[in-house]
Amino acid sequence: MSASIVCADYYHAMVKDRPGAAYELLSQLADAGVRLMAFNAIPMGGHQTQLVLFPSSPSRLVAAAEKAGIDLDGPQHALVVRGDDKLRAISEVHRKLFDANVNVY
């Protein structure tokens, strides 16, 4: 298995659930030089979507969000796993976490 695992901070931002809302927020961050390791969008109901942002530089994300008037919730802490796009690869990572008595939620 070829995978890398890094500890990362992540943040949530809420946007209206409409076409282009995530683009607008992400383009503001990109224009400010924010780089993301990962990103996820989760519909939350009530016409809102939660954007989950895993920045390479948390301080740069926080500064850019503050300047743009974007409300962030965080940081939260996570492990970011990068590797082969195969179910066996991710299951092996979870086995190692289980063996180390690490709870995944």
C-alpha atoms as a PDB file:
ATOM      1  CA  MET A   1       0.000   0.000   0.000  1.00  0.00           C
ATOM      2  CA  SER A   2       1.368   3.386  -0.985  1.00  0.00           C
ATOM      3  CA  ALA A   3      -0.231   5.970   1.278  1.00  0.00           C
ATOM      4  CA  SER A   4       0.805   9.051   3.181  1.00  0.00           C
ATOM      5  CA  ILE A   5      -0.910  10.204   6.335  1.00  0.00           C
ATOM      6  CA  VAL A   6      -0.635  13.728   7.720  1.00  0.00           C
ATOM      7  CA  CYS A   7      -2.234  15.458  10.673  1.00  0.00           C
ATOM      8  CA  ALA A   8      -4.299  18.417   9.534  1.00  0.00           C
ATOM      9  CA  ASP A   9      -6.639  21.074  10.811  1.00  0.00           C
ATOM     10  CA  TYR A  10      -9.927  21.574   9.030  1.00  0.00           C
ATOM     11  CA  TYR A  11     -12.641  24.208   9.103  1.00  0.00           C
ATOM     12  CA  HIS A  12     -16.334  24.418   8.238  1.00  0.00           C
ATOM     13  CA  ALA A  13     -18.031  27.224   6.346  1.00  0.00           C
ATOM     14  CA  MET A  14     -21.765  27.369   5.621  1.00  0.00           C
ATOM     15  CA  VAL A  15     -23.113  28.617   2.286  1.00  0.00           C
ATOM     16  CA  LYS A  16     -26.573  28.852   0.782  1.00  0.00           C
ATOM     17  CA  ASP A  17     -27.463  25.683  -1.108  1.00  0.00           C
ATOM     18  CA  ARG A  18     -27.535  27.170  -4.600  1.00  0.00           C
ATOM     19  CA  PRO A  19     -25.491  26.784  -7.787  1.00  0.00           C
ATOM     20  CA  GLY A  20     -22.235  28.715  -7.589  1.00  0.00           C
ATOM     21  CA  ALA A  21     -22.130  29.276  -3.826  1.00  0.00           C
ATOM     22  CA  ALA A  22     -19.157  26.974  -3.266  1.00  0.00           C
ATOM     23  CA  TYR A  23     -17.419  28.399  -6.343  1.00  0.00           C
ATOM     24  CA  GLU A  24     -17.743  31.943  -5.016  1.00  0.00           C
ATOM     25  CA  LEU A  25     -16.239  31.058  -1.642  1.00  0.00           C
ATOM     26  CA  LEU A  26     -13.490  28.857  -3.100  1.00  0.00           C
ATOM     27  CA  SER A  27     -12.507  31.427  -5.721  1.00  0.00           C
ATOM     28  CA  GLN A  28     -12.170  34.118  -3.017  1.00  0.00           C
ATOM     29  CA  LEU A  29      -9.863  31.823  -1.079  1.00  0.00           C
ATOM     30  CA  ALA A  30      -7.871  30.883  -4.194  1.00  0.00           C
ATOM     31  CA  ASP A  31      -7.450  34.572  -5.093  1.00  0.00           C
ATOM     32  CA  ALA A  32      -6.000  35.071  -1.598  1.00  0.00           C
ATOM     33  CA  GLY A  33      -3.453  32.286  -2.183  1.00  0.00           C
ATOM     34  CA  VAL A  34      -5.126  29.659  -0.009  1.00  0.00           C
ATOM     35  CA  ARG A  35      -4.243  26.102  -1.011  1.00  0.00           C
ATOM     36  CA  LEU A  36      -6.401  23.173   0.074  1.00  0.00           C
ATOM     37  CA  MET A  37      -5.261  19.588   0.701  1.00  0.00           C
ATOM     38  CA  ALA A  38      -8.873  18.427   0.601  1.00  0.00           C
ATOM     39  CA  PHE A  39     -12.403  19.765   0.311  1.00  0.00           C
ATOM     40  CA  ASN A  40     -15.870  18.346   0.879  1.00  0.00           C
ATOM     41  CA  ALA A  41     -19.402  19.714   0.530  1.00  0.00           C
ATOM     42  CA  ILE A  42     -22.228  18.308   2.650  1.00  0.00           C
ATOM     43  CA  PRO A  43     -25.884  19.296   2.144  1.00  0.00           C
ATOM     44  CA  MET A  44     -27.286  20.182   5.567  1.00  0.00           C
ATOM     45  CA  GLY A  45     -30.953  20.755   4.751  1.00  0.00           C
ATOM     46  CA  GLY A  46     -32.684  24.061   5.232  1.00  0.00           C
ATOM     47  CA  HIS A  47     -31.113  25.278   1.986  1.00  0.00           C
ATOM     48  CA  GLN A  48     -27.581  25.243   3.400  1.00  0.00           C
ATOM     49  CA  THR A  49     -24.420  23.369   2.506  1.00  0.00           C
ATOM     50  CA  GLN A  50     -21.464  22.856   4.801  1.00  0.00           C
ATOM     51  CA  LEU A  51     -18.095  23.239   3.111  1.00  0.00           C
ATOM     52  CA  VAL A  52     -15.257  21.384   4.804  1.00  0.00           C
ATOM     53  CA  LEU A  53     -11.873  22.969   4.093  1.00  0.00           C
ATOM     54  CA  PHE A  54      -8.522  21.284   4.768  1.00  0.00           C
ATOM     55  CA  PRO A  55      -5.972  24.074   4.195  1.00  0.00           C
ATOM     56  CA  SER A  56      -2.263  23.532   3.649  1.00  0.00           C
ATOM     57  CA  SER A  57      -1.737  26.687   5.738  1.00  0.00           C
ATOM     58  CA  PRO A  58      -4.453  27.168   8.389  1.00  0.00           C
ATOM     59  CA  SER A  59      -3.258  30.680   9.248  1.00  0.00           C
ATOM     60  CA  ARG A  60      -3.552  31.765   5.606  1.00  0.00           C
ATOM     61  CA  LEU A  61      -7.108  30.358   5.401  1.00  0.00           C
ATOM     62  CA  VAL A  62      -8.160  32.106   8.610  1.00  0.00           C
ATOM     63  CA  ALA A  63      -6.698  35.438   7.470  1.00  0.00           C
ATOM     64  CA  ALA A  64      -8.282  35.191   4.006  1.00  0.00           C
ATOM     65  CA  ALA A  65     -11.662  34.196   5.436  1.00  0.00           C
ATOM     66  CA  GLU A  66     -11.582  37.071   7.916  1.00  0.00           C
ATOM     67  CA  LYS A  67     -10.715  39.555   5.164  1.00  0.00           C
ATOM     68  CA  ALA A  68     -13.507  38.191   2.925  1.00  0.00           C
ATOM     69  CA  GLY A  69     -16.087  38.104   5.723  1.00  0.00           C
ATOM     70  CA  ILE A  70     -16.371  34.310   5.635  1.00  0.00           C
ATOM     71  CA  ASP A  71     -17.409  32.750   8.947  1.00  0.00           C
ATOM     72  CA  LEU A  72     -15.325  29.673   9.779  1.00  0.00           C
ATOM     73  CA  ASP A  73     -15.913  27.066  12.446  1.00  0.00           C
ATOM     74  CA  GLY A  74     -12.755  25.346  13.586  1.00  0.00           C
ATOM     75  CA  PRO A  75     -10.148  24.245  13.729  1.00  0.00           C
ATOM     76  CA  GLN A  76     -10.987  20.591  14.069  1.00  0.00           C
ATOM     77  CA  HIS A  77      -8.281  17.970  13.838  1.00  0.00           C
ATOM     78  CA  ALA A  78      -8.021  15.094  11.374  1.00  0.00           C
ATOM     79  CA  LEU A  79      -5.755  12.674   9.607  1.00  0.00           C
ATOM     80  CA  VAL A  80      -5.590  13.161   5.846  1.00  0.00           C
ATOM     81  CA  VAL A  81      -4.840   9.922   4.026  1.00  0.00           C
ATOM     82  CA  ARG A  82      -3.570  10.105   0.468  1.00  0.00           C
ATOM     83  CA  GLY A  83      -2.838   7.065  -1.599  1.00  0.00           C
ATOM     84  CA  ASP A  84      -4.104   4.493  -4.011  1.00  0.00           C
ATOM     85  CA  ASP A  85      -7.757   4.794  -4.921  1.00  0.00           C
ATOM     86  CA  LYS A  86      -8.514   1.240  -3.840  1.00  0.00           C
ATOM     87  CA  LEU A  87     -10.761   0.010  -1.060  1.00  0.00           C
ATOM     88  CA  ARG A  88      -7.999  -2.268   0.232  1.00  0.00           C
ATOM     89  CA  ALA A  89      -5.670   0.704   0.750  1.00  0.00           C
ATOM     90  CA  ILE A  90      -8.093   2.609   2.972  1.00  0.00           C
ATOM     91  CA  SER A  91      -9.152  -0.543   4.816  1.00  0.00           C
ATOM     92  CA  GLU A  92      -5.498  -1.215   5.679  1.00  0.00           C
ATOM     93  CA  VAL A  93      -5.150   2.294   7.094  1.00  0.00           C
ATOM     94  CA  HIS A  94      -8.240   1.675   9.244  1.00  0.00           C
ATOM     95  CA  ARG A  95      -6.819  -1.669  10.391  1.00  0.00           C
ATOM     96  CA  LYS A  96      -3.658   0.082  11.584  1.00  0.00           C
ATOM     97  CA  LEU A  97      -5.727   2.711  13.386  1.00  0.00           C
ATOM     98  CA  PHE A  98      -7.784  -0.061  14.995  1.00  0.00           C
ATOM     99  CA  ASP A  99      -4.606  -1.878  16.067  1.00  0.00           C
ATOM    100  CA  ALA A 100      -3.426   1.378  17.676  1.00  0.00           C
ATOM    101  CA  ASN A 101      -6.819   1.738  19.436  1.00  0.00           C
ATOM    102  CA  VAL A 102      -7.602   4.965  17.548  1.00  0.00           C
ATOM    103  CA  ASN A 103     -11.317   5.687  17.148  1.00  0.00           C
ATOM    104  CA  VAL A 104     -12.394   6.989  13.739  1.00  0.00           C
ATOM    105  CA  TYR A 105     -15.511   9.125  13.514  1.00  0.00           C
END
